[in-house]
Amino acid sequence: MIAVAARGTSMMKANLGSTLAATTRSAPVFVSQPSRTASFYSRSRTRRSMSSCRAGLPIDLTGKKAFVAGVADDQGFAWAISKCLIEAGAEVSLGIWVPALGIFKKSMEMGKFDESRKLSDGSLMEFKNLYALDAVYDTLEDVPEEVKANKRYAGNSDWTVSEVAKLVEKDLGKVDIVVHSLANGPEVKNPLLETSRKGYLAAQSASAYSLVSMVQKFGPIMNEGGSVISLTYDASNKVIPGYGGGMSSAKAALESDTRTLAYEAGQKHKIRVNTISAGPLGSRAARAIGFIEKVINYSYENAPIQKELDAMEVGTAAAFLLSPLASAITGQVIYVDNGLSTMGLAMDSPSLRAEEPVKVA
């Protein structure tokens, strides 16, 4: 497990054990006679191999610039990811849903987040910039008049995806990390059979296409070797009654788009794109669904690792995936769910109560 280490540079370390070799060597090429191709292959392998792999392998993001979309308070995955990136030395700016930005700023000023802002060295986490963002809209021309006139949006400007990308480039220059922690399904409590076309498409727009839009607009302002990450849920692959309104379809689309974006953005911008399939967490957003506590209890009873998921566990996994240590990982769905996604049988099912539980010898 990656643990946050208190160091002068707030660097994160993973204890990989003392058995790792101090140096690596390029693999030998076995050919009957020396050849130009073999020589090139050997040199290429030598150039690409790491010079050392120390026991205290650091996640060092010093000097890296990150944009995290989706923070609304100090409870969710986006906050945890931001905190881990800052612990690793990155400079983090936030994109906050327009109606929530004022509340977030006021909470920060009043010290409501101070306990959650504490870093391993005792200092308080600071954000470089805060931007208003509504990732449902790509350009100002896409915004309906009723939204423009909505008092919850009053006093804010330049909050569509393309406008925010331009502001970030103006303020920060190129960035290295983009985090997409955005999802919304206005009819999430409705079974799919009772979901309207409007509600279904709204879920797709806010939860899946928003990632496509962000990679479109932020990809050109990212440094080569940069990384994008999003958050998904295993309802993309399995039936989760109660997670409706087209949200399961949106998560499936998000995962499929992750693979395609990894290819296209990798070829065009030399960046990586991955997604984390996180287990259930009792965040403010998740509680809006209405049955999150039951899902958390189900996970606790049935996952291979019997404990509740901590948001920081997703944060540390994200920090690794967004770091150069994961430079060969792209287009992947990484599960951080205590292993729940591997299970095919619910051990707390009433149908099993009369039987002895399956025991591993």
Foldseek 3Di string as FASTA:
>chain_A
DWDFDDDPLLWTWDQPDPPFDFADAFDQDDDPDDDPVNVVVRVVSRVPGDGGDDRGHILACAPAEEEEEDDQECFALSNLLLLNNVSNHYAYEYEYAQLRVVVRVVCVVVCVCQVSQQGPNGDGNDHPYYAHADLLAADPVRDDPVVVPDPSNPPHDQHYLLSVLVVCCVVPFAGQEYEAEWFDQPPQQDAQVPADPVRQVSRLSTQAVSVVSNCVRRLVRHAALGEYEYEAACLCPDPDPLRHSNNSVSRVNNLVVQLVCQVVSCVVRNYAYEYEHEAQDPDPVVCVSPCSVVSQVQLLQAAPQRDGDGSNLSSVVVSCCRGCVVSVDHSYYHYDYSRNVVDDDRQPDPVCPVDDGDDDD
